[in-house]
Amino acid sequence: FGGKLDKSVLSFTERIATRAAKATEGDFRSPDDIAAWAESIC
């Protein structure tokens, strides 16, 4: 599933790591994707 990255809550070291990885800040979670996956398991 997509994740969430909020750089404002990261430590200095974590911010350096996310910058080096070129990680995109934002919330990429999808409740619809999670619900569909749970339904397929059921």
PDB file of all heavy atoms in Angstrom:
ATOM      1  N   PHE A   1       0.839  -1.183   0.000  1.00  0.00           N
ATOM      2  CA  PHE A   1       0.000   0.000   0.000  1.00  0.00           C
ATOM      3  C   PHE A   1       0.881   1.242   0.000  1.00  0.00           C
ATOM      4  O   PHE A   1       1.991   1.219   0.519  1.00  0.00           O
ATOM      5  CB  PHE A   1      -0.897   0.027   1.247  1.00  0.00           C
ATOM      6  CG  PHE A   1      -1.883  -1.091   1.284  1.00  0.00           C
ATOM      7  CD1 PHE A   1      -1.659  -2.210   2.062  1.00  0.00           C
ATOM      8  CD2 PHE A   1      -3.037  -1.031   0.524  1.00  0.00           C
ATOM      9  CE1 PHE A   1      -2.567  -3.248   2.098  1.00  0.00           C
ATOM     10  CE2 PHE A   1      -3.960  -2.065   0.545  1.00  0.00           C
ATOM     11  CZ  PHE A   1      -3.726  -3.178   1.336  1.00  0.00           C
ATOM     12  N   GLY A   2       0.349   2.309  -0.565  1.00  0.00           N
ATOM     13  CA  GLY A   2       1.055   3.578  -0.515  1.00  0.00           C
ATOM     14  C   GLY A   2       1.226   4.026   0.925  1.00  0.00           C
ATOM     15  O   GLY A   2       0.441   3.662   1.805  1.00  0.00           O
ATOM     16  N   GLY A   3       2.231   4.794   1.171  1.00  0.00           N
ATOM     17  CA  GLY A   3       2.505   5.267   2.520  1.00  0.00           C
ATOM     18  C   GLY A   3       2.284   6.754   2.676  1.00  0.00           C
ATOM     19  O   GLY A   3       1.664   7.406   1.832  1.00  0.00           O
ATOM     20  N   LYS A   4       2.790   7.275   3.753  1.00  0.00           N
ATOM     21  CA  LYS A   4       2.663   8.702   4.061  1.00  0.00           C
ATOM     22  C   LYS A   4       4.014   9.194   4.552  1.00  0.00           C
ATOM     23  O   LYS A   4       4.665   8.535   5.363  1.00  0.00           O
ATOM     24  CB  LYS A   4       1.619   8.915   5.156  1.00  0.00           C
ATOM     25  CG  LYS A   4       1.500  10.358   5.595  1.00  0.00           C
ATOM     26  CD  LYS A   4       0.490  10.508   6.720  1.00  0.00           C
ATOM     27  CE  LYS A   4       0.467  11.946   7.201  1.00  0.00           C
ATOM     28  NZ  LYS A   4      -0.428  12.109   8.346  1.00  0.00           N
ATOM     29  N   LEU A   5       4.419  10.330   4.052  1.00  0.00           N
ATOM     30  CA  LEU A   5       5.654  10.949   4.510  1.00  0.00           C
ATOM     31  C   LEU A   5       5.375  12.397   4.885  1.00  0.00           C
ATOM     32  O   LEU A   5       4.958  13.191   4.049  1.00  0.00           O
ATOM     33  CB  LEU A   5       6.739  10.900   3.426  1.00  0.00           C
ATOM     34  CG  LEU A   5       8.056  11.590   3.763  1.00  0.00           C
ATOM     35  CD1 LEU A   5       8.693  10.972   5.011  1.00  0.00           C
ATOM     36  CD2 LEU A   5       9.006  11.517   2.581  1.00  0.00           C
ATOM     37  N   ASP A   6       5.559  12.693   6.155  1.00  0.00           N
ATOM     38  CA  ASP A   6       5.410  14.049   6.685  1.00  0.00           C
ATOM     39  C   ASP A   6       6.777  14.445   7.243  1.00  0.00           C
ATOM     40  O   ASP A   6       7.146  14.050   8.351  1.00  0.00           O
ATOM     41  CB  ASP A   6       4.345  14.074   7.776  1.00  0.00           C
ATOM     42  CG  ASP A   6       4.138  15.451   8.382  1.00  0.00           C
ATOM     43  OD1 ASP A   6       4.895  16.391   8.040  1.00  0.00           O
ATOM     44  OD2 ASP A   6       3.220  15.587   9.203  1.00  0.00           O
ATOM     45  N   LYS A   7       7.529  15.194   6.463  1.00  0.00           N
ATOM     46  CA  LYS A   7       8.897  15.540   6.843  1.00  0.00           C
ATOM     47  C   LYS A   7       8.963  16.384   8.111  1.00  0.00           C
ATOM     48  O   LYS A   7       9.982  16.409   8.784  1.00  0.00           O
ATOM     49  CB  LYS A   7       9.610  16.242   5.688  1.00  0.00           C
ATOM     50  CG  LYS A   7       9.850  15.313   4.511  1.00  0.00           C
ATOM     51  CD  LYS A   7      10.576  16.013   3.385  1.00  0.00           C
ATOM     52  CE  LYS A   7      10.751  15.071   2.204  1.00  0.00           C
ATOM     53  NZ  LYS A   7      11.427  15.717   1.074  1.00  0.00           N
ATOM     54  N   SER A   8       7.858  17.026   8.476  1.00  0.00           N
ATOM     55  CA  SER A   8       7.869  17.879   9.663  1.00  0.00           C
ATOM     56  C   SER A   8       8.009  17.082  10.964  1.00  0.00           C
ATOM     57  O   SER A   8       8.369  17.640  11.997  1.00  0.00           O
ATOM     58  CB  SER A   8       6.605  18.743   9.724  1.00  0.00           C
ATOM     59  OG  SER A   8       5.465  17.946  10.017  1.00  0.00           O
ATOM     60  N   VAL A   9       7.731  15.787  10.920  1.00  0.00           N
ATOM     61  CA  VAL A   9       7.825  14.973  12.135  1.00  0.00           C
ATOM     62  C   VAL A   9       9.090  14.112  12.161  1.00  0.00           C
ATOM     63  O   VAL A   9       9.283  13.325  13.078  1.00  0.00           O
ATOM     64  CB  VAL A   9       6.571  14.081  12.320  1.00  0.00           C
ATOM     65  CG1 VAL A   9       5.318  14.927  12.468  1.00  0.00           C
ATOM     66  CG2 VAL A   9       6.435  13.091  11.185  1.00  0.00           C
ATOM     67  N   LEU A  10       9.944  14.266  11.171  1.00  0.00           N
ATOM     68  CA  LEU A  10      11.156  13.461  11.087  1.00  0.00           C
ATOM     69  C   LEU A  10      12.308  14.078  11.863  1.00  0.00           C
ATOM     70  O   LEU A  10      12.394  15.300  12.002  1.00  0.00           O
ATOM     71  CB  LEU A  10      11.584  13.303   9.619  1.00  0.00           C
ATOM     72  CG  LEU A  10      10.597  12.632   8.680  1.00  0.00           C
ATOM     73  CD1 LEU A  10      11.177  12.577   7.275  1.00  0.00           C
ATOM     74  CD2 LEU A  10      10.219  11.244   9.170  1.00  0.00           C
ATOM     75  N   SER A  11      13.196  13.217  12.327  1.00  0.00           N
ATOM     76  CA  SER A  11      14.424  13.697  12.970  1.00  0.00           C
ATOM     77  C   SER A  11      15.365  14.231  11.889  1.00  0.00           C
ATOM     78  O   SER A  11      15.145  14.026  10.686  1.00  0.00           O
ATOM     79  CB  SER A  11      15.112  12.547  13.713  1.00  0.00           C
ATOM     80  OG  SER A  11      15.642  11.609  12.771  1.00  0.00           O
ATOM     81  N   PHE A  12      16.418  14.873  12.300  1.00  0.00           N
ATOM     82  CA  PHE A  12      17.405  15.396  11.361  1.00  0.00           C
ATOM     83  C   PHE A  12      17.963  14.278  10.479  1.00  0.00           C
ATOM     84  O   PHE A  12      18.038  14.414   9.254  1.00  0.00           O
ATOM     85  CB  PHE A  12      18.532  16.098  12.128  1.00  0.00           C
ATOM     86  CG  PHE A  12      19.634  16.601  11.241  1.00  0.00           C
ATOM     87  CD1 PHE A  12      19.433  17.707  10.435  1.00  0.00           C
ATOM     88  CD2 PHE A  12      20.856  15.952  11.208  1.00  0.00           C
ATOM     89  CE1 PHE A  12      20.449  18.171   9.603  1.00  0.00           C
ATOM     90  CE2 PHE A  12      21.877  16.414  10.388  1.00  0.00           C
ATOM     91  CZ  PHE A  12      21.671  17.515   9.583  1.00  0.00           C
ATOM     92  N   THR A  13      18.307  13.166  11.085  1.00  0.00           N
ATOM     93  CA  THR A  13      18.858  12.029  10.341  1.00  0.00           C
ATOM     94  C   THR A  13      17.840  11.470   9.358  1.00  0.00           C
ATOM     95  O   THR A  13      18.184  11.137   8.211  1.00  0.00           O
ATOM     96  CB  THR A  13      19.322  10.925  11.317  1.00  0.00           C
ATOM     97  OG1 THR A  13      20.243  11.484  12.250  1.00  0.00           O
ATOM     98  CG2 THR A  13      19.970   9.773  10.586  1.00  0.00           C
ATOM     99  N   GLU A  14      16.599  11.366   9.776  1.00  0.00           N
ATOM    100  CA  GLU A  14      15.547  10.853   8.886  1.00  0.00           C
ATOM    101  C   GLU A  14      15.327  11.809   7.710  1.00  0.00           C
ATOM    102  O   GLU A  14      15.096  11.359   6.587  1.00  0.00           O
ATOM    103  CB  GLU A  14      14.247  10.653   9.664  1.00  0.00           C
ATOM    104  CG  GLU A  14      14.325   9.517  10.660  1.00  0.00           C
ATOM    105  CD  GLU A  14      13.158   9.503  11.631  1.00  0.00           C
ATOM    106  OE1 GLU A  14      12.624  10.588  11.963  1.00  0.00           O
ATOM    107  OE2 GLU A  14      12.792   8.405  12.071  1.00  0.00           O
ATOM    108  N   ARG A  15      15.390  13.112   7.961  1.00  0.00           N
ATOM    109  CA  ARG A  15      15.229  14.077   6.870  1.00  0.00           C
ATOM    110  C   ARG A  15      16.365  13.951   5.862  1.00  0.00           C
ATOM    111  O   ARG A  15      16.149  14.029   4.651  1.00  0.00           O
ATOM    112  CB  ARG A  15      15.135  15.507   7.413  1.00  0.00           C
ATOM    113  CG  ARG A  15      13.791  15.800   8.075  1.00  0.00           C
ATOM    114  CD  ARG A  15      13.567  17.285   8.321  1.00  0.00           C
ATOM    115  NE  ARG A  15      14.632  17.925   9.072  1.00  0.00           N
ATOM    116  CZ  ARG A  15      14.702  17.989  10.401  1.00  0.00           C
ATOM    117  NH1 ARG A  15      13.767  17.425  11.136  1.00  0.00           N
ATOM    118  NH2 ARG A  15      15.706  18.613  10.989  1.00  0.00           N
ATOM    119  N   ILE A  16      17.580  13.740   6.342  1.00  0.00           N
ATOM    120  CA  ILE A  16      18.715  13.536   5.436  1.00  0.00           C
ATOM    121  C   ILE A  16      18.486  12.276   4.586  1.00  0.00           C
ATOM    122  O   ILE A  16      18.704  12.289   3.366  1.00  0.00           O
ATOM    123  CB  ILE A  16      20.041  13.438   6.222  1.00  0.00           C
ATOM    124  CG1 ILE A  16      20.396  14.799   6.806  1.00  0.00           C
ATOM    125  CG2 ILE A  16      21.170  12.926   5.335  1.00  0.00           C
ATOM    126  CD1 ILE A  16      21.572  14.765   7.759  1.00  0.00           C
ATOM    127  N   ALA A  17      18.041  11.209   5.223  1.00  0.00           N
ATOM    128  CA  ALA A  17      17.812   9.956   4.499  1.00  0.00           C
ATOM    129  C   ALA A  17      16.715  10.109   3.454  1.00  0.00           C
ATOM    130  O   ALA A  17      16.857   9.624   2.325  1.00  0.00           O
ATOM    131  CB  ALA A  17      17.462   8.835   5.472  1.00  0.00           C
ATOM    132  N   THR A  18      15.629  10.781   3.790  1.00  0.00           N
ATOM    133  CA  THR A  18      14.548  10.953   2.815  1.00  0.00           C
ATOM    134  C   THR A  18      14.972  11.873   1.675  1.00  0.00           C
ATOM    135  O   THR A  18      14.564  11.673   0.537  1.00  0.00           O
ATOM    136  CB  THR A  18      13.259  11.492   3.466  1.00  0.00           C
ATOM    137  OG1 THR A  18      13.532  12.733   4.117  1.00  0.00           O
ATOM    138  CG2 THR A  18      12.676  10.496   4.447  1.00  0.00           C
ATOM    139  N   ARG A  19      15.802  12.857   1.983  1.00  0.00           N
ATOM    140  CA  ARG A  19      16.315  13.727   0.928  1.00  0.00           C
ATOM    141  C   ARG A  19      17.229  12.929  -0.008  1.00  0.00           C
ATOM    142  O   ARG A  19      17.135  13.043  -1.233  1.00  0.00           O
ATOM    143  CB  ARG A  19      17.071  14.917   1.521  1.00  0.00           C
ATOM    144  CG  ARG A  19      17.451  15.962   0.478  1.00  0.00           C
ATOM    145  CD  ARG A  19      18.110  17.197   1.085  1.00  0.00           C
ATOM    146  NE  ARG A  19      17.276  17.785   2.134  1.00  0.00           N
ATOM    147  CZ  ARG A  19      17.694  18.008   3.382  1.00  0.00           C
ATOM    148  NH1 ARG A  19      18.925  17.722   3.746  1.00  0.00           N
ATOM    149  NH2 ARG A  19      16.887  18.540   4.263  1.00  0.00           N
ATOM    150  N   ALA A  20      18.095  12.096   0.555  1.00  0.00           N
ATOM    151  CA  ALA A  20      19.007  11.276  -0.257  1.00  0.00           C
ATOM    152  C   ALA A  20      18.231  10.283  -1.129  1.00  0.00           C
ATOM    153  O   ALA A  20      18.624  10.003  -2.263  1.00  0.00           O
ATOM    154  CB  ALA A  20      19.985  10.531   0.636  1.00  0.00           C
ATOM    155  N   ALA A  21      17.122   9.777  -0.611  1.00  0.00           N
ATOM    156  CA  ALA A  21      16.296   8.825  -1.360  1.00  0.00           C
ATOM    157  C   ALA A  21      15.340   9.524  -2.330  1.00  0.00           C
ATOM    158  O   ALA A  21      14.614   8.864  -3.075  1.00  0.00           O
ATOM    159  CB  ALA A  21      15.497   7.961  -0.391  1.00  0.00           C
ATOM    160  N   LYS A  22      15.327  10.851  -2.290  1.00  0.00           N
ATOM    161  CA  LYS A  22      14.421  11.649  -3.121  1.00  0.00           C
ATOM    162  C   LYS A  22      12.958  11.262  -2.887  1.00  0.00           C
ATOM    163  O   LYS A  22      12.160  11.162  -3.819  1.00  0.00           O
ATOM    164  CB  LYS A  22      14.798  11.539  -4.595  1.00  0.00           C
ATOM    165  CG  LYS A  22      16.193  12.056  -4.877  1.00  0.00           C
ATOM    166  CD  LYS A  22      16.564  11.934  -6.330  1.00  0.00           C
ATOM    167  CE  LYS A  22      17.991  12.429  -6.514  1.00  0.00           C
ATOM    168  NZ  LYS A  22      18.522  12.144  -7.811  1.00  0.00           N
ATOM    169  N   ALA A  23      12.634  11.009  -1.622  1.00  0.00           N
ATOM    170  CA  ALA A  23      11.278  10.620  -1.243  1.00  0.00           C
ATOM    171  C   ALA A  23      10.341  11.816  -1.360  1.00  0.00           C
ATOM    172  O   ALA A  23      10.696  12.945  -1.014  1.00  0.00           O
ATOM    173  CB  ALA A  23      11.268  10.076   0.180  1.00  0.00           C
ATOM    174  N   THR A  24       9.155  11.550  -1.841  1.00  0.00           N
ATOM    175  CA  THR A  24       8.152  12.587  -2.042  1.00  0.00           C
ATOM    176  C   THR A  24       7.283  12.721  -0.804  1.00  0.00           C
ATOM    177  O   THR A  24       6.736  11.737  -0.316  1.00  0.00           O
ATOM    178  CB  THR A  24       7.257  12.229  -3.248  1.00  0.00           C
ATOM    179  OG1 THR A  24       8.083  12.020  -4.380  1.00  0.00           O
ATOM    180  CG2 THR A  24       6.253  13.323  -3.533  1.00  0.00           C
ATOM    181  N   GLU A  25       7.161  13.940  -0.317  1.00  0.00           N
ATOM    182  CA  GLU A  25       6.308  14.182   0.840  1.00  0.00           C
ATOM    183  C   GLU A  25       4.841  14.135   0.415  1.00  0.00           C
ATOM    184  O   GLU A  25       4.471  14.596  -0.658  1.00  0.00           O
ATOM    185  CB  GLU A  25       6.626  15.544   1.464  1.00  0.00           C
ATOM    186  CG  GLU A  25       5.885  15.798   2.747  1.00  0.00           C
ATOM    187  CD  GLU A  25       6.440  16.991   3.519  1.00  0.00           C
ATOM    188  OE1 GLU A  25       7.079  17.862   2.907  1.00  0.00           O
ATOM    189  OE2 GLU A  25       6.225  17.034   4.734  1.00  0.00           O
ATOM    190  N   GLY A  26       4.027  13.541   1.258  1.00  0.00           N
ATOM    191  CA  GLY A  26       2.594  13.494   0.990  1.00  0.00           C
ATOM    192  C   GLY A  26       1.963  12.248   1.575  1.00  0.00           C
ATOM    193  O   GLY A  26       2.631  11.388   2.142  1.00  0.00           O
ATOM    194  N   ASP A  27       0.668  12.160   1.420  1.00  0.00           N
ATOM    195  CA  ASP A  27      -0.107  11.016   1.914  1.00  0.00           C
ATOM    196  C   ASP A  27      -0.623  10.253   0.702  1.00  0.00           C
ATOM    197  O   ASP A  27      -1.505  10.726  -0.015  1.00  0.00           O
ATOM    198  CB  ASP A  27      -1.263  11.505   2.782  1.00  0.00           C
ATOM    199  CG  ASP A  27      -2.004  10.379   3.486  1.00  0.00           C
ATOM    200  OD1 ASP A  27      -1.799   9.206   3.110  1.00  0.00           O
ATOM    201  OD2 ASP A  27      -2.781  10.674   4.411  1.00  0.00           O
ATOM    202  N   PHE A  28      -0.067   9.088   0.470  1.00  0.00           N
ATOM    203  CA  PHE A  28      -0.412   8.277  -0.699  1.00  0.00           C
ATOM    204  C   PHE A  28      -1.201   7.030  -0.318  1.00  0.00           C
ATOM    205  O   PHE A  28      -1.311   6.093  -1.095  1.00  0.00           O
ATOM    206  CB  PHE A  28       0.874   7.899  -1.463  1.00  0.00           C
ATOM    207  CG  PHE A  28       1.634   9.114  -1.897  1.00  0.00           C
ATOM    208  CD1 PHE A  28       2.672   9.617  -1.131  1.00  0.00           C
ATOM    209  CD2 PHE A  28       1.284   9.785  -3.052  1.00  0.00           C
ATOM    210  CE1 PHE A  28       3.364  10.749  -1.514  1.00  0.00           C
ATOM    211  CE2 PHE A  28       1.966  10.929  -3.451  1.00  0.00           C
ATOM    212  CZ  PHE A  28       3.017  11.406  -2.681  1.00  0.00           C
ATOM    213  N   ARG A  29      -1.751   7.039   0.897  1.00  0.00           N
ATOM    214  CA  ARG A  29      -2.574   5.907   1.347  1.00  0.00           C
ATOM    215  C   ARG A  29      -3.925   5.962   0.632  1.00  0.00           C
ATOM    216  O   ARG A  29      -4.420   7.030   0.317  1.00  0.00           O
ATOM    217  CB  ARG A  29      -2.763   5.960   2.852  1.00  0.00           C
ATOM    218  CG  ARG A  29      -1.442   5.839   3.607  1.00  0.00           C
ATOM    219  CD  ARG A  29      -1.606   6.065   5.081  1.00  0.00           C
ATOM    220  NE  ARG A  29      -1.985   7.454   5.330  1.00  0.00           N
ATOM    221  CZ  ARG A  29      -2.155   7.975   6.531  1.00  0.00           C
ATOM    222  NH1 ARG A  29      -1.961   7.234   7.599  1.00  0.00           N
ATOM    223  NH2 ARG A  29      -2.502   9.238   6.684  1.00  0.00           N
ATOM    224  N   SER A  30      -4.507   4.780   0.387  1.00  0.00           N
ATOM    225  CA  SER A  30      -5.789   4.717  -0.304  1.00  0.00           C
ATOM    226  C   SER A  30      -6.756   3.826   0.475  1.00  0.00           C
ATOM    227  O   SER A  30      -6.641   2.601   0.424  1.00  0.00           O
ATOM    228  CB  SER A  30      -5.610   4.156  -1.719  1.00  0.00           C
ATOM    229  OG  SER A  30      -6.870   3.884  -2.296  1.00  0.00           O
ATOM    230  N   PRO A  31      -7.707   4.425   1.178  1.00  0.00           N
ATOM    231  CA  PRO A  31      -8.690   3.615   1.898  1.00  0.00           C
ATOM    232  C   PRO A  31      -9.465   2.670   0.970  1.00  0.00           C
ATOM    233  O   PRO A  31      -9.804   1.553   1.358  1.00  0.00           O
ATOM    234  CB  PRO A  31      -9.624   4.651   2.530  1.00  0.00           C
ATOM    235  CG  PRO A  31      -8.788   5.890   2.635  1.00  0.00           C
ATOM    236  CD  PRO A  31      -7.875   5.857   1.443  1.00  0.00           C
ATOM    237  N   ASP A  32      -9.724   3.097  -0.272  1.00  0.00           N
ATOM    238  CA  ASP A  32     -10.446   2.236  -1.210  1.00  0.00           C
ATOM    239  C   ASP A  32      -9.621   1.002  -1.581  1.00  0.00           C
ATOM    240  O   ASP A  32     -10.151  -0.099  -1.682  1.00  0.00           O
ATOM    241  CB  ASP A  32     -10.811   3.009  -2.479  1.00  0.00           C
ATOM    242  CG  ASP A  32     -11.851   4.091  -2.224  1.00  0.00           C
ATOM    243  OD1 ASP A  32     -12.591   3.989  -1.216  1.00  0.00           O
ATOM    244  OD2 ASP A  32     -11.919   5.037  -3.025  1.00  0.00           O
ATOM    245  N   ASP A  33      -8.317   1.186  -1.768  1.00  0.00           N
ATOM    246  CA  ASP A  33      -7.424   0.072  -2.075  1.00  0.00           C
ATOM    247  C   ASP A  33      -7.378  -0.910  -0.907  1.00  0.00           C
ATOM    248  O   ASP A  33      -7.433  -2.132  -1.093  1.00  0.00           O
ATOM    249  CB  ASP A  33      -6.029   0.602  -2.396  1.00  0.00           C
ATOM    250  CG  ASP A  33      -5.094  -0.448  -2.969  1.00  0.00           C
ATOM    251  OD1 ASP A  33      -5.572  -1.470  -3.506  1.00  0.00           O
ATOM    252  OD2 ASP A  33      -3.864  -0.249  -2.892  1.00  0.00           O
ATOM    253  N   ILE A  34      -7.300  -0.384   0.307  1.00  0.00           N
ATOM    254  CA  ILE A  34      -7.265  -1.230   1.506  1.00  0.00           C
ATOM    255  C   ILE A  34      -8.567  -2.012   1.644  1.00  0.00           C
ATOM    256  O   ILE A  34      -8.556  -3.224   1.890  1.00  0.00           O
ATOM    257  CB  ILE A  34      -6.998  -0.377   2.763  1.00  0.00           C
ATOM    258  CG1 ILE A  34      -5.596   0.239   2.673  1.00  0.00           C
ATOM    259  CG2 ILE A  34      -7.168  -1.193   4.038  1.00  0.00           C
ATOM    260  CD1 ILE A  34      -5.339   1.339   3.684  1.00  0.00           C
ATOM    261  N   ALA A  35      -9.703  -1.344   1.445  1.00  0.00           N
ATOM    262  CA  ALA A  35     -11.003  -2.014   1.560  1.00  0.00           C
ATOM    263  C   ALA A  35     -11.175  -3.096   0.497  1.00  0.00           C
ATOM    264  O   ALA A  35     -11.676  -4.191   0.788  1.00  0.00           O
ATOM    265  CB  ALA A  35     -12.133  -0.986   1.458  1.00  0.00           C
ATOM    266  N   ALA A  36     -10.743  -2.819  -0.719  1.00  0.00           N
ATOM    267  CA  ALA A  36     -10.855  -3.815  -1.789  1.00  0.00           C
ATOM    268  C   ALA A  36      -9.974  -5.024  -1.496  1.00  0.00           C
ATOM    269  O   ALA A  36     -10.381  -6.173  -1.732  1.00  0.00           O
ATOM    270  CB  ALA A  36     -10.469  -3.189  -3.135  1.00  0.00           C
ATOM    271  N   TRP A  37      -8.777  -4.790  -0.965  1.00  0.00           N
ATOM    272  CA  TRP A  37      -7.885  -5.889  -0.634  1.00  0.00           C
ATOM    273  C   TRP A  37      -8.469  -6.734   0.494  1.00  0.00           C
ATOM    274  O   TRP A  37      -8.457  -7.963   0.436  1.00  0.00           O
ATOM    275  CB  TRP A  37      -6.506  -5.346  -0.256  1.00  0.00           C
ATOM    276  CG  TRP A  37      -5.461  -6.404  -0.099  1.00  0.00           C
ATOM    277  CD1 TRP A  37      -4.972  -7.230  -1.066  1.00  0.00           C
ATOM    278  CD2 TRP A  37      -4.771  -6.748   1.093  1.00  0.00           C
ATOM    279  NE1 TRP A  37      -4.001  -8.057  -0.544  1.00  0.00           N
ATOM    280  CE2 TRP A  37      -3.863  -7.777   0.783  1.00  0.00           C
ATOM    281  CE3 TRP A  37      -4.818  -6.272   2.398  1.00  0.00           C
ATOM    282  CZ2 TRP A  37      -3.015  -8.348   1.727  1.00  0.00           C
ATOM    283  CZ3 TRP A  37      -3.969  -6.834   3.338  1.00  0.00           C
ATOM    284  CH2 TRP A  37      -3.085  -7.858   2.998  1.00  0.00           C
ATOM    285  N   ALA A  38      -9.017  -6.086   1.512  1.00  0.00           N
ATOM    286  CA  ALA A  38      -9.645  -6.812   2.622  1.00  0.00           C
ATOM    287  C   ALA A  38     -10.824  -7.641   2.125  1.00  0.00           C
ATOM    288  O   ALA A  38     -11.013  -8.786   2.548  1.00  0.00           O
ATOM    289  CB  ALA A  38     -10.089  -5.833   3.702  1.00  0.00           C
ATOM    290  N   GLU A  39     -11.610  -7.090   1.216  1.00  0.00           N
ATOM    291  CA  GLU A  39     -12.749  -7.828   0.650  1.00  0.00           C
ATOM    292  C   GLU A  39     -12.268  -9.054  -0.128  1.00  0.00           C
ATOM    293  O   GLU A  39     -12.880 -10.122  -0.049  1.00  0.00           O
ATOM    294  CB  GLU A  39     -13.578  -6.916  -0.245  1.00  0.00           C
ATOM    295  CG  GLU A  39     -14.817  -7.579  -0.829  1.00  0.00           C
ATOM    296  CD  GLU A  39     -15.790  -8.084   0.222  1.00  0.00           C
ATOM    297  OE1 GLU A  39     -15.964  -7.416   1.260  1.00  0.00           O
ATOM    298  OE2 GLU A  39     -16.392  -9.160   0.010  1.00  0.00           O
ATOM    299  N   SER A  40     -11.167  -8.915  -0.856  1.00  0.00           N
ATOM    300  CA  SER A  40     -10.650 -10.064  -1.605  1.00  0.00           C
ATOM    301  C   SER A  40     -10.176 -11.162  -0.660  1.00  0.00           C
ATOM    302  O   SER A  40     -10.339 -12.355  -0.945  1.00  0.00           O
ATOM    303  CB  SER A  40      -9.529  -9.643  -2.564  1.00  0.00           C
ATOM    304  OG  SER A  40      -8.338  -9.352  -1.874  1.00  0.00           O
ATOM    305  N   ILE A  41      -9.624 -10.786   0.483  1.00  0.00           N
ATOM    306  CA  ILE A  41      -9.213 -11.786   1.472  1.00  0.00           C
ATOM    307  C   ILE A  41     -10.445 -12.499   2.024  1.00  0.00           C
ATOM    308  O   ILE A  41     -10.456 -13.738   2.143  1.00  0.00           O
ATOM    309  CB  ILE A  41      -8.404 -11.130   2.624  1.00  0.00           C
ATOM    310  CG1 ILE A  41      -7.067 -10.624   2.088  1.00  0.00           C
ATOM    311  CG2 ILE A  41      -8.204 -12.108   3.772  1.00  0.00           C
ATOM    312  CD1 ILE A  41      -6.285  -9.793   3.092  1.00  0.00           C
ATOM    313  N   CYS A  42     -11.494 -11.737   2.333  1.00  0.00           N
ATOM    314  CA  CYS A  42     -12.737 -12.346   2.848  1.00  0.00           C
ATOM    315  C   CYS A  42     -13.306 -13.334   1.843  1.00  0.00           C
ATOM    316  O   CYS A  42     -13.731 -14.436   2.207  1.00  0.00           O
ATOM    317  CB  CYS A  42     -13.760 -11.263   3.179  1.00  0.00           C
ATOM    318  SG  CYS A  42     -13.326 -10.264   4.610  1.00  0.00           S
TER     319      CYS A  42
END
